[in-house]
Amino acid sequence: TVKQSIARMKTFEEIAGEDGSYEGVLKKEALMMERKRMKL
């Protein structure tokens, strides 16, 4: 299960991109995803 959560964190990083701008994602969704990514 820890492996699954690590994979989830990596997907959030891919969506965020190198700049962390979350292009093509709504502002609210981007904020939620950033919080989850930071926690992980």
PDB file of all heavy atoms in Angstrom:
ATOM      1  N   THR A   1       0.825  -1.210   0.000  1.00  0.00           N
ATOM      2  CA  THR A   1       0.000   0.000   0.000  1.00  0.00           C
ATOM      3  C   THR A   1       0.855   1.255   0.000  1.00  0.00           C
ATOM      4  O   THR A   1       0.477   2.274  -0.583  1.00  0.00           O
ATOM      5  CB  THR A   1      -0.932   0.017   1.222  1.00  0.00           C
ATOM      6  OG1 THR A   1      -0.152  -0.135   2.415  1.00  0.00           O
ATOM      7  CG2 THR A   1      -1.943  -1.086   1.150  1.00  0.00           C
ATOM      8  N   VAL A   2       2.015   1.203   0.642  1.00  0.00           N
ATOM      9  CA  VAL A   2       2.944   2.345   0.630  1.00  0.00           C
ATOM     10  C   VAL A   2       3.431   2.609  -0.797  1.00  0.00           C
ATOM     11  O   VAL A   2       3.557   3.765  -1.213  1.00  0.00           O
ATOM     12  CB  VAL A   2       4.120   2.087   1.592  1.00  0.00           C
ATOM     13  CG1 VAL A   2       5.171   3.173   1.472  1.00  0.00           C
ATOM     14  CG2 VAL A   2       3.622   2.000   3.018  1.00  0.00           C
ATOM     15  N   LYS A   3       3.673   1.548  -1.550  1.00  0.00           N
ATOM     16  CA  LYS A   3       4.057   1.690  -2.952  1.00  0.00           C
ATOM     17  C   LYS A   3       2.972   2.407  -3.762  1.00  0.00           C
ATOM     18  O   LYS A   3       3.270   3.239  -4.621  1.00  0.00           O
ATOM     19  CB  LYS A   3       4.316   0.309  -3.554  1.00  0.00           C
ATOM     20  CG  LYS A   3       5.749  -0.147  -3.455  1.00  0.00           C
ATOM     21  CD  LYS A   3       5.889  -1.486  -4.157  1.00  0.00           C
ATOM     22  CE  LYS A   3       7.210  -1.711  -4.685  1.00  0.00           C
ATOM     23  NZ  LYS A   3       7.350  -3.016  -5.361  1.00  0.00           N
ATOM     24  N   GLN A   4       1.727   2.083  -3.483  1.00  0.00           N
ATOM     25  CA  GLN A   4       0.612   2.721  -4.180  1.00  0.00           C
ATOM     26  C   GLN A   4       0.560   4.217  -3.897  1.00  0.00           C
ATOM     27  O   GLN A   4       0.338   5.030  -4.805  1.00  0.00           O
ATOM     28  CB  GLN A   4      -0.702   2.063  -3.783  1.00  0.00           C
ATOM     29  CG  GLN A   4      -0.872   0.659  -4.322  1.00  0.00           C
ATOM     30  CD  GLN A   4      -2.138  -0.006  -3.825  1.00  0.00           C
ATOM     31  OE1 GLN A   4      -2.932   0.603  -3.108  1.00  0.00           O
ATOM     32  NE2 GLN A   4      -2.329  -1.260  -4.182  1.00  0.00           N
ATOM     33  N   SER A   5       0.768   4.595  -2.634  1.00  0.00           N
ATOM     34  CA  SER A   5       0.756   6.013  -2.271  1.00  0.00           C
ATOM     35  C   SER A   5       1.951   6.746  -2.887  1.00  0.00           C
ATOM     36  O   SER A   5       1.845   7.923  -3.267  1.00  0.00           O
ATOM     37  CB  SER A   5       0.751   6.179  -0.748  1.00  0.00           C
ATOM     38  OG  SER A   5       1.806   5.485  -0.152  1.00  0.00           O
ATOM     39  N   ILE A   6       3.098   6.079  -3.021  1.00  0.00           N
ATOM     40  CA  ILE A   6       4.261   6.683  -3.684  1.00  0.00           C
ATOM     41  C   ILE A   6       3.951   6.925  -5.166  1.00  0.00           C
ATOM     42  O   ILE A   6       4.292   7.975  -5.720  1.00  0.00           O
ATOM     43  CB  ILE A   6       5.513   5.791  -3.513  1.00  0.00           C
ATOM     44  CG1 ILE A   6       5.990   5.800  -2.058  1.00  0.00           C
ATOM     45  CG2 ILE A   6       6.638   6.256  -4.422  1.00  0.00           C
ATOM     46  CD1 ILE A   6       6.933   4.658  -1.713  1.00  0.00           C
ATOM     47  N   ALA A   7       3.293   5.946  -5.803  1.00  0.00           N
ATOM     48  CA  ALA A   7       2.899   6.101  -7.209  1.00  0.00           C
ATOM     49  C   ALA A   7       1.906   7.253  -7.377  1.00  0.00           C
ATOM     50  O   ALA A   7       1.968   8.005  -8.363  1.00  0.00           O
ATOM     51  CB  ALA A   7       2.287   4.806  -7.712  1.00  0.00           C
ATOM     52  N   ARG A   8       1.011   7.410  -6.400  1.00  0.00           N
ATOM     53  CA  ARG A   8       0.048   8.516  -6.428  1.00  0.00           C
ATOM     54  C   ARG A   8       0.772   9.860  -6.346  1.00  0.00           C
ATOM     55  O   ARG A   8       0.425  10.815  -7.058  1.00  0.00           O
ATOM     56  CB  ARG A   8      -0.917   8.358  -5.258  1.00  0.00           C
ATOM     57  CG  ARG A   8      -2.163   9.200  -5.365  1.00  0.00           C
ATOM     58  CD  ARG A   8      -3.027   8.956  -4.134  1.00  0.00           C
ATOM     59  NE  ARG A   8      -4.169   9.831  -4.117  1.00  0.00           N
ATOM     60  CZ  ARG A   8      -4.912  10.053  -3.042  1.00  0.00           C
ATOM     61  NH1 ARG A   8      -4.619   9.434  -1.901  1.00  0.00           N
ATOM     62  NH2 ARG A   8      -5.943  10.860  -3.100  1.00  0.00           N
ATOM     63  N   MET A   9       1.766   9.947  -5.476  1.00  0.00           N
ATOM     64  CA  MET A   9       2.553  11.173  -5.329  1.00  0.00           C
ATOM     65  C   MET A   9       3.264  11.505  -6.640  1.00  0.00           C
ATOM     66  O   MET A   9       3.313  12.677  -7.059  1.00  0.00           O
ATOM     67  CB  MET A   9       3.568  10.988  -4.207  1.00  0.00           C
ATOM     68  CG  MET A   9       4.441  12.200  -3.927  1.00  0.00           C
ATOM     69  SD  MET A   9       5.651  11.904  -2.621  1.00  0.00           S
ATOM     70  CE  MET A   9       6.774  10.773  -3.457  1.00  0.00           C
ATOM     71  N   LYS A  10       3.784  10.498  -7.311  1.00  0.00           N
ATOM     72  CA  LYS A  10       4.482  10.715  -8.585  1.00  0.00           C
ATOM     73  C   LYS A  10       3.531  11.188  -9.678  1.00  0.00           C
ATOM     74  O   LYS A  10       3.905  12.013 -10.521  1.00  0.00           O
ATOM     75  CB  LYS A  10       5.190   9.436  -9.013  1.00  0.00           C
ATOM     76  CG  LYS A  10       6.434   9.135  -8.183  1.00  0.00           C
ATOM     77  CD  LYS A  10       7.094   7.839  -8.613  1.00  0.00           C
ATOM     78  CE  LYS A  10       8.342   7.569  -7.784  1.00  0.00           C
ATOM     79  NZ  LYS A  10       8.999   6.291  -8.165  1.00  0.00           N
ATOM     80  N   THR A  11       2.290  10.693  -9.660  1.00  0.00           N
ATOM     81  CA  THR A  11       1.294  11.162 -10.640  1.00  0.00           C
ATOM     82  C   THR A  11       0.959  12.632 -10.426  1.00  0.00           C
ATOM     83  O   THR A  11       0.819  13.404 -11.386  1.00  0.00           O
ATOM     84  CB  THR A  11       0.011  10.321 -10.544  1.00  0.00           C
ATOM     85  OG1 THR A  11      -0.459  10.287  -9.200  1.00  0.00           O
ATOM     86  CG2 THR A  11       0.228   8.915 -11.067  1.00  0.00           C
ATOM     87  N   PHE A  12       0.836  13.051  -9.165  1.00  0.00           N
ATOM     88  CA  PHE A  12       0.590  14.463  -8.854  1.00  0.00           C
ATOM     89  C   PHE A  12       1.737  15.339  -9.357  1.00  0.00           C
ATOM     90  O   PHE A  12       1.502  16.435  -9.880  1.00  0.00           O
ATOM     91  CB  PHE A  12       0.405  14.665  -7.349  1.00  0.00           C
ATOM     92  CG  PHE A  12      -0.894  14.142  -6.801  1.00  0.00           C
ATOM     93  CD1 PHE A  12      -0.958  13.578  -5.547  1.00  0.00           C
ATOM     94  CD2 PHE A  12      -2.063  14.233  -7.533  1.00  0.00           C
ATOM     95  CE1 PHE A  12      -2.150  13.095  -5.030  1.00  0.00           C
ATOM     96  CE2 PHE A  12      -3.262  13.750  -7.031  1.00  0.00           C
ATOM     97  CZ  PHE A  12      -3.304  13.175  -5.774  1.00  0.00           C
ATOM     98  N   GLU A  13       2.958  14.861  -9.207  1.00  0.00           N
ATOM     99  CA  GLU A  13       4.119  15.608  -9.691  1.00  0.00           C
ATOM    100  C   GLU A  13       4.117  15.718 -11.213  1.00  0.00           C
ATOM    101  O   GLU A  13       4.487  16.767 -11.757  1.00  0.00           O
ATOM    102  CB  GLU A  13       5.395  14.936  -9.207  1.00  0.00           C
ATOM    103  CG  GLU A  13       5.657  15.105  -7.723  1.00  0.00           C
ATOM    104  CD  GLU A  13       6.885  14.362  -7.243  1.00  0.00           C
ATOM    105  OE1 GLU A  13       7.465  13.606  -8.064  1.00  0.00           O
ATOM    106  OE2 GLU A  13       7.253  14.499  -6.065  1.00  0.00           O
ATOM    107  N   GLU A  14       3.719  14.662 -11.891  1.00  0.00           N
ATOM    108  CA  GLU A  14       3.630  14.702 -13.355  1.00  0.00           C
ATOM    109  C   GLU A  14       2.579  15.691 -13.827  1.00  0.00           C
ATOM    110  O   GLU A  14       2.784  16.405 -14.814  1.00  0.00           O
ATOM    111  CB  GLU A  14       3.316  13.309 -13.896  1.00  0.00           C
ATOM    112  CG  GLU A  14       4.492  12.341 -13.806  1.00  0.00           C
ATOM    113  CD  GLU A  14       4.122  10.938 -14.242  1.00  0.00           C
ATOM    114  OE1 GLU A  14       2.934  10.735 -14.611  1.00  0.00           O
ATOM    115  OE2 GLU A  14       4.996  10.044 -14.195  1.00  0.00           O
ATOM    116  N   ILE A  15       1.431  15.706 -13.138  1.00  0.00           N
ATOM    117  CA  ILE A  15       0.361  16.652 -13.495  1.00  0.00           C
ATOM    118  C   ILE A  15       0.811  18.088 -13.246  1.00  0.00           C
ATOM    119  O   ILE A  15       0.512  18.991 -14.030  1.00  0.00           O
ATOM    120  CB  ILE A  15      -0.927  16.323 -12.718  1.00  0.00           C
ATOM    121  CG1 ILE A  15      -1.503  14.980 -13.182  1.00  0.00           C
ATOM    122  CG2 ILE A  15      -1.969  17.424 -12.900  1.00  0.00           C
ATOM    123  CD1 ILE A  15      -2.469  14.357 -12.186  1.00  0.00           C
ATOM    124  N   ALA A  16       1.530  18.287 -12.131  1.00  0.00           N
ATOM    125  CA  ALA A  16       2.002  19.631 -11.788  1.00  0.00           C
ATOM    126  C   ALA A  16       3.027  20.140 -12.787  1.00  0.00           C
ATOM    127  O   ALA A  16       3.081  21.348 -13.080  1.00  0.00           O
ATOM    128  CB  ALA A  16       2.594  19.635 -10.384  1.00  0.00           C
ATOM    129  N   GLY A  17       3.862  19.259 -13.320  1.00  0.00           N
ATOM    130  CA  GLY A  17       4.911  19.657 -14.241  1.00  0.00           C
ATOM    131  C   GLY A  17       6.155  20.136 -13.513  1.00  0.00           C
ATOM    132  O   GLY A  17       6.237  20.158 -12.273  1.00  0.00           O
ATOM    133  N   GLU A  18       7.111  20.572 -14.291  1.00  0.00           N
ATOM    134  CA  GLU A  18       8.360  21.051 -13.690  1.00  0.00           C
ATOM    135  C   GLU A  18       8.170  22.363 -12.948  1.00  0.00           C
ATOM    136  O   GLU A  18       8.817  22.610 -11.928  1.00  0.00           O
ATOM    137  CB  GLU A  18       9.408  21.216 -14.794  1.00  0.00           C
ATOM    138  CG  GLU A  18       9.828  19.893 -15.424  1.00  0.00           C
ATOM    139  CD  GLU A  18      10.847  20.071 -16.526  1.00  0.00           C
ATOM    140  OE1 GLU A  18      11.162  21.251 -16.856  1.00  0.00           O
ATOM    141  OE2 GLU A  18      11.309  19.055 -17.094  1.00  0.00           O
ATOM    142  N   ASP A  19       7.296  23.217 -13.460  1.00  0.00           N
ATOM    143  CA  ASP A  19       7.047  24.531 -12.844  1.00  0.00           C
ATOM    144  C   ASP A  19       6.077  24.450 -11.674  1.00  0.00           C
ATOM    145  O   ASP A  19       6.022  25.385 -10.860  1.00  0.00           O
ATOM    146  CB  ASP A  19       6.500  25.508 -13.885  1.00  0.00           C
ATOM    147  CG  ASP A  19       7.441  25.663 -15.065  1.00  0.00           C
ATOM    148  OD1 ASP A  19       8.669  25.534 -14.845  1.00  0.00           O
ATOM    149  OD2 ASP A  19       6.959  25.906 -16.189  1.00  0.00           O
ATOM    150  N   GLY A  20       5.294  23.383 -11.609  1.00  0.00           N
ATOM    151  CA  GLY A  20       4.252  23.273 -10.591  1.00  0.00           C
ATOM    152  C   GLY A  20       3.052  24.146 -10.893  1.00  0.00           C
ATOM    153  O   GLY A  20       2.348  24.603  -9.982  1.00  0.00           O
ATOM    154  N   SER A  21       2.779  24.381 -12.189  1.00  0.00           N
ATOM    155  CA  SER A  21       1.697  25.281 -12.588  1.00  0.00           C
ATOM    156  C   SER A  21       0.355  24.580 -12.761  1.00  0.00           C
ATOM    157  O   SER A  21      -0.678  25.264 -12.815  1.00  0.00           O
ATOM    158  CB  SER A  21       2.082  25.987 -13.880  1.00  0.00           C
ATOM    159  OG  SER A  21       2.355  25.030 -14.909  1.00  0.00           O
ATOM    160  N   TYR A  22       0.342  23.253 -12.899  1.00  0.00           N
ATOM    161  CA  TYR A  22      -0.893  22.476 -13.102  1.00  0.00           C
ATOM    162  C   TYR A  22      -1.672  23.011 -14.307  1.00  0.00           C
ATOM    163  O   TYR A  22      -2.822  23.478 -14.201  1.00  0.00           O
ATOM    164  CB  TYR A  22      -1.784  22.488 -11.844  1.00  0.00           C
ATOM    165  CG  TYR A  22      -1.242  21.697 -10.696  1.00  0.00           C
ATOM    166  CD1 TYR A  22      -0.489  22.313  -9.714  1.00  0.00           C
ATOM    167  CD2 TYR A  22      -1.459  20.338 -10.595  1.00  0.00           C
ATOM    168  CE1 TYR A  22       0.027  21.590  -8.656  1.00  0.00           C
ATOM    169  CE2 TYR A  22      -0.950  19.603  -9.534  1.00  0.00           C
ATOM    170  CZ  TYR A  22      -0.204  20.239  -8.563  1.00  0.00           C
ATOM    171  OH  TYR A  22       0.295  19.519  -7.498  1.00  0.00           O
ATOM    172  N   GLU A  23      -1.041  22.993 -15.471  1.00  0.00           N
ATOM    173  CA  GLU A  23      -1.678  23.467 -16.693  1.00  0.00           C
ATOM    174  C   GLU A  23      -2.824  22.541 -17.099  1.00  0.00           C
ATOM    175  O   GLU A  23      -2.700  21.326 -17.063  1.00  0.00           O
ATOM    176  CB  GLU A  23      -0.655  23.539 -17.828  1.00  0.00           C
ATOM    177  CG  GLU A  23       0.375  24.629 -17.632  1.00  0.00           C
ATOM    178  CD  GLU A  23       1.341  24.721 -18.780  1.00  0.00           C
ATOM    179  OE1 GLU A  23       1.192  23.930 -19.742  1.00  0.00           O
ATOM    180  OE2 GLU A  23       2.255  25.566 -18.727  1.00  0.00           O
ATOM    181  N   GLY A  24      -3.953  23.147 -17.512  1.00  0.00           N
ATOM    182  CA  GLY A  24      -5.131  22.388 -17.934  1.00  0.00           C
ATOM    183  C   GLY A  24      -5.966  21.854 -16.791  1.00  0.00           C
ATOM    184  O   GLY A  24      -6.850  21.026 -17.001  1.00  0.00           O
ATOM    185  N   VAL A  25      -5.717  22.313 -15.554  1.00  0.00           N
ATOM    186  CA  VAL A  25      -6.451  21.880 -14.364  1.00  0.00           C
ATOM    187  C   VAL A  25      -7.088  23.105 -13.716  1.00  0.00           C
ATOM    188  O   VAL A  25      -6.477  24.179 -13.679  1.00  0.00           O
ATOM    189  CB  VAL A  25      -5.525  21.142 -13.364  1.00  0.00           C
ATOM    190  CG1 VAL A  25      -6.311  20.634 -12.168  1.00  0.00           C
ATOM    191  CG2 VAL A  25      -4.793  20.003 -14.036  1.00  0.00           C
ATOM    192  N   LEU A  26      -8.303  22.938 -13.204  1.00  0.00           N
ATOM    193  CA  LEU A  26      -8.970  24.039 -12.514  1.00  0.00           C
ATOM    194  C   LEU A  26      -8.196  24.471 -11.271  1.00  0.00           C
ATOM    195  O   LEU A  26      -7.453  23.692 -10.679  1.00  0.00           O
ATOM    196  CB  LEU A  26     -10.385  23.619 -12.133  1.00  0.00           C
ATOM    197  CG  LEU A  26     -11.354  23.340 -13.294  1.00  0.00           C
ATOM    198  CD1 LEU A  26     -12.617  22.706 -12.778  1.00  0.00           C
ATOM    199  CD2 LEU A  26     -11.681  24.625 -14.046  1.00  0.00           C
ATOM    200  N   LYS A  27      -8.404  25.733 -10.887  1.00  0.00           N
ATOM    201  CA  LYS A  27      -7.628  26.305  -9.792  1.00  0.00           C
ATOM    202  C   LYS A  27      -7.881  25.584  -8.465  1.00  0.00           C
ATOM    203  O   LYS A  27      -6.948  25.271  -7.710  1.00  0.00           O
ATOM    204  CB  LYS A  27      -7.967  27.792  -9.652  1.00  0.00           C
ATOM    205  CG  LYS A  27      -7.001  28.561  -8.771  1.00  0.00           C
ATOM    206  CD  LYS A  27      -7.316  30.049  -8.800  1.00  0.00           C
ATOM    207  CE  LYS A  27      -6.321  30.813  -7.930  1.00  0.00           C
ATOM    208  NZ  LYS A  27      -6.635  32.275  -7.946  1.00  0.00           N
ATOM    209  N   LYS A  28      -9.145  25.285  -8.205  1.00  0.00           N
ATOM    210  CA  LYS A  28      -9.513  24.606  -6.958  1.00  0.00           C
ATOM    211  C   LYS A  28      -8.931  23.197  -6.916  1.00  0.00           C
ATOM    212  O   LYS A  28      -8.389  22.757  -5.887  1.00  0.00           O
ATOM    213  CB  LYS A  28     -11.032  24.547  -6.825  1.00  0.00           C
ATOM    214  CG  LYS A  28     -11.520  24.094  -5.473  1.00  0.00           C
ATOM    215  CD  LYS A  28     -13.025  24.163  -5.374  1.00  0.00           C
ATOM    216  CE  LYS A  28     -13.498  23.681  -4.003  1.00  0.00           C
ATOM    217  NZ  LYS A  28     -14.987  23.725  -3.919  1.00  0.00           N
ATOM    218  N   GLU A  29      -9.064  22.458  -8.024  1.00  0.00           N
ATOM    219  CA  GLU A  29      -8.514  21.104  -8.111  1.00  0.00           C
ATOM    220  C   GLU A  29      -6.999  21.114  -7.970  1.00  0.00           C
ATOM    221  O   GLU A  29      -6.410  20.232  -7.328  1.00  0.00           O
ATOM    222  CB  GLU A  29      -8.915  20.466  -9.434  1.00  0.00           C
ATOM    223  CG  GLU A  29     -10.382  20.098  -9.515  1.00  0.00           C
ATOM    224  CD  GLU A  29     -10.755  19.477 -10.842  1.00  0.00           C
ATOM    225  OE1 GLU A  29      -9.875  19.367 -11.720  1.00  0.00           O
ATOM    226  OE2 GLU A  29     -11.931  19.094 -11.015  1.00  0.00           O
ATOM    227  N   ALA A  30      -6.355  22.115  -8.570  1.00  0.00           N
ATOM    228  CA  ALA A  30      -4.900  22.232  -8.474  1.00  0.00           C
ATOM    229  C   ALA A  30      -4.457  22.448  -7.024  1.00  0.00           C
ATOM    230  O   ALA A  30      -3.461  21.862  -6.576  1.00  0.00           O
ATOM    231  CB  ALA A  30      -4.424  23.384  -9.349  1.00  0.00           C
ATOM    232  N   LEU A  31      -5.203  23.275  -6.283  1.00  0.00           N
ATOM    233  CA  LEU A  31      -4.885  23.515  -4.871  1.00  0.00           C
ATOM    234  C   LEU A  31      -5.027  22.239  -4.033  1.00  0.00           C
ATOM    235  O   LEU A  31      -4.179  21.942  -3.181  1.00  0.00           O
ATOM    236  CB  LEU A  31      -5.786  24.619  -4.307  1.00  0.00           C
ATOM    237  CG  LEU A  31      -5.477  26.052  -4.743  1.00  0.00           C
ATOM    238  CD1 LEU A  31      -6.640  26.966  -4.413  1.00  0.00           C
ATOM    239  CD2 LEU A  31      -4.205  26.548  -4.083  1.00  0.00           C
ATOM    240  N   MET A  32      -6.107  21.490  -4.287  1.00  0.00           N
ATOM    241  CA  MET A  32      -6.330  20.227  -3.567  1.00  0.00           C
ATOM    242  C   MET A  32      -5.223  19.222  -3.859  1.00  0.00           C
ATOM    243  O   MET A  32      -4.700  18.554  -2.947  1.00  0.00           O
ATOM    244  CB  MET A  32      -7.678  19.645  -3.963  1.00  0.00           C
ATOM    245  CG  MET A  32      -8.889  20.476  -3.543  1.00  0.00           C
ATOM    246  SD  MET A  32      -9.227  20.453  -1.789  1.00  0.00           S
ATOM    247  CE  MET A  32      -9.932  18.842  -1.618  1.00  0.00           C
ATOM    248  N   MET A  33      -4.857  19.114  -5.116  1.00  0.00           N
ATOM    249  CA  MET A  33      -3.796  18.189  -5.512  1.00  0.00           C
ATOM    250  C   MET A  33      -2.445  18.576  -4.921  1.00  0.00           C
ATOM    251  O   MET A  33      -1.660  17.715  -4.500  1.00  0.00           O
ATOM    252  CB  MET A  33      -3.719  18.114  -7.034  1.00  0.00           C
ATOM    253  CG  MET A  33      -4.891  17.368  -7.671  1.00  0.00           C
ATOM    254  SD  MET A  33      -5.004  17.591  -9.442  1.00  0.00           S
ATOM    255  CE  MET A  33      -3.824  16.410  -9.999  1.00  0.00           C
ATOM    256  N   GLU A  34      -2.163  19.894  -4.851  1.00  0.00           N
ATOM    257  CA  GLU A  34      -0.907  20.366  -4.291  1.00  0.00           C
ATOM    258  C   GLU A  34      -0.814  20.051  -2.796  1.00  0.00           C
ATOM    259  O   GLU A  34       0.244  19.672  -2.282  1.00  0.00           O
ATOM    260  CB  GLU A  34      -0.767  21.876  -4.522  1.00  0.00           C
ATOM    261  CG  GLU A  34       0.556  22.468  -4.095  1.00  0.00           C
ATOM    262  CD  GLU A  34       1.748  21.945  -4.869  1.00  0.00           C
ATOM    263  OE1 GLU A  34       1.569  21.434  -5.993  1.00  0.00           O
ATOM    264  OE2 GLU A  34       2.872  22.032  -4.331  1.00  0.00           O
ATOM    265  N   ARG A  35      -1.929  20.205  -2.086  1.00  0.00           N
ATOM    266  CA  ARG A  35      -1.956  19.870  -0.661  1.00  0.00           C
ATOM    267  C   ARG A  35      -1.666  18.388  -0.431  1.00  0.00           C
ATOM    268  O   ARG A  35      -0.878  18.019   0.459  1.00  0.00           O
ATOM    269  CB  ARG A  35      -3.318  20.216  -0.059  1.00  0.00           C
ATOM    270  CG  ARG A  35      -3.527  21.696   0.176  1.00  0.00           C
ATOM    271  CD  ARG A  35      -4.945  21.954   0.648  1.00  0.00           C
ATOM    272  NE  ARG A  35      -5.257  23.373   0.621  1.00  0.00           N
ATOM    273  CZ  ARG A  35      -6.495  23.858   0.757  1.00  0.00           C
ATOM    274  NH1 ARG A  35      -7.529  23.022   0.914  1.00  0.00           N
ATOM    275  NH2 ARG A  35      -6.709  25.173   0.723  1.00  0.00           N
ATOM    276  N   LYS A  36      -2.316  17.534  -1.216  1.00  0.00           N
ATOM    277  CA  LYS A  36      -2.106  16.091  -1.092  1.00  0.00           C
ATOM    278  C   LYS A  36      -0.661  15.716  -1.435  1.00  0.00           C
ATOM    279  O   LYS A  36      -0.050  14.878  -0.760  1.00  0.00           O
ATOM    280  CB  LYS A  36      -3.066  15.343  -2.014  1.00  0.00           C
ATOM    281  CG  LYS A  36      -4.502  15.365  -1.525  1.00  0.00           C
ATOM    282  CD  LYS A  36      -5.421  14.692  -2.523  1.00  0.00           C
ATOM    283  CE  LYS A  36      -6.877  14.774  -2.062  1.00  0.00           C
ATOM    284  NZ  LYS A  36      -7.790  14.183  -3.071  1.00  0.00           N
ATOM    285  N   ARG A  37      -0.132  16.362  -2.459  1.00  0.00           N
ATOM    286  CA  ARG A  37       1.247  16.075  -2.865  1.00  0.00           C
ATOM    287  C   ARG A  37       2.236  16.456  -1.774  1.00  0.00           C
ATOM    288  O   ARG A  37       3.177  15.703  -1.472  1.00  0.00           O
ATOM    289  CB  ARG A  37       1.569  16.832  -4.160  1.00  0.00           C
ATOM    290  CG  ARG A  37       2.891  16.434  -4.786  1.00  0.00           C
ATOM    291  CD  ARG A  37       3.265  17.361  -5.916  1.00  0.00           C
ATOM    292  NE  ARG A  37       3.579  18.688  -5.439  1.00  0.00           N
ATOM    293  CZ  ARG A  37       4.734  19.029  -4.842  1.00  0.00           C
ATOM    294  NH1 ARG A  37       5.697  18.134  -4.646  1.00  0.00           N
ATOM    295  NH2 ARG A  37       4.930  20.270  -4.435  1.00  0.00           N
ATOM    296  N   MET A  38       2.046  17.624  -1.165  1.00  0.00           N
ATOM    297  CA  MET A  38       2.932  18.083  -0.096  1.00  0.00           C
ATOM    298  C   MET A  38       2.875  17.154   1.121  1.00  0.00           C
ATOM    299  O   MET A  38       3.904  16.855   1.745  1.00  0.00           O
ATOM    300  CB  MET A  38       2.542  19.502   0.321  1.00  0.00           C
ATOM    301  CG  MET A  38       2.854  20.571  -0.707  1.00  0.00           C
ATOM    302  SD  MET A  38       4.611  20.853  -0.963  1.00  0.00           S
ATOM    303  CE  MET A  38       5.028  21.684   0.535  1.00  0.00           C
ATOM    304  N   LYS A  39       1.666  16.702   1.437  1.00  0.00           N
ATOM    305  CA  LYS A  39       1.489  15.785   2.562  1.00  0.00           C
ATOM    306  C   LYS A  39       2.215  14.466   2.314  1.00  0.00           C
ATOM    307  O   LYS A  39       2.891  13.938   3.213  1.00  0.00           O
ATOM    308  CB  LYS A  39      -0.002  15.544   2.791  1.00  0.00           C
ATOM    309  CG  LYS A  39      -0.333  14.821   4.070  1.00  0.00           C
ATOM    310  CD  LYS A  39      -1.833  14.683   4.242  1.00  0.00           C
ATOM    311  CE  LYS A  39      -2.171  13.916   5.512  1.00  0.00           C
ATOM    312  NZ  LYS A  39      -3.642  13.740   5.660  1.00  0.00           N
ATOM    313  N   LEU A  40       2.071  13.923   1.110  1.00  0.00           N
ATOM    314  CA  LEU A  40       2.738  12.673   0.765  1.00  0.00           C
ATOM    315  C   LEU A  40       4.257  12.836   0.697  1.00  0.00           C
ATOM    316  O   LEU A  40       5.004  11.938   1.098  1.00  0.00           O
ATOM    317  CB  LEU A  40       2.211  12.154  -0.573  1.00  0.00           C
ATOM    318  CG  LEU A  40       0.780  11.601  -0.577  1.00  0.00           C
ATOM    319  CD1 LEU A  40       0.274  11.455  -1.994  1.00  0.00           C
ATOM    320  CD2 LEU A  40       0.713  10.256   0.131  1.00  0.00           C
TER     321      LEU A  40
END
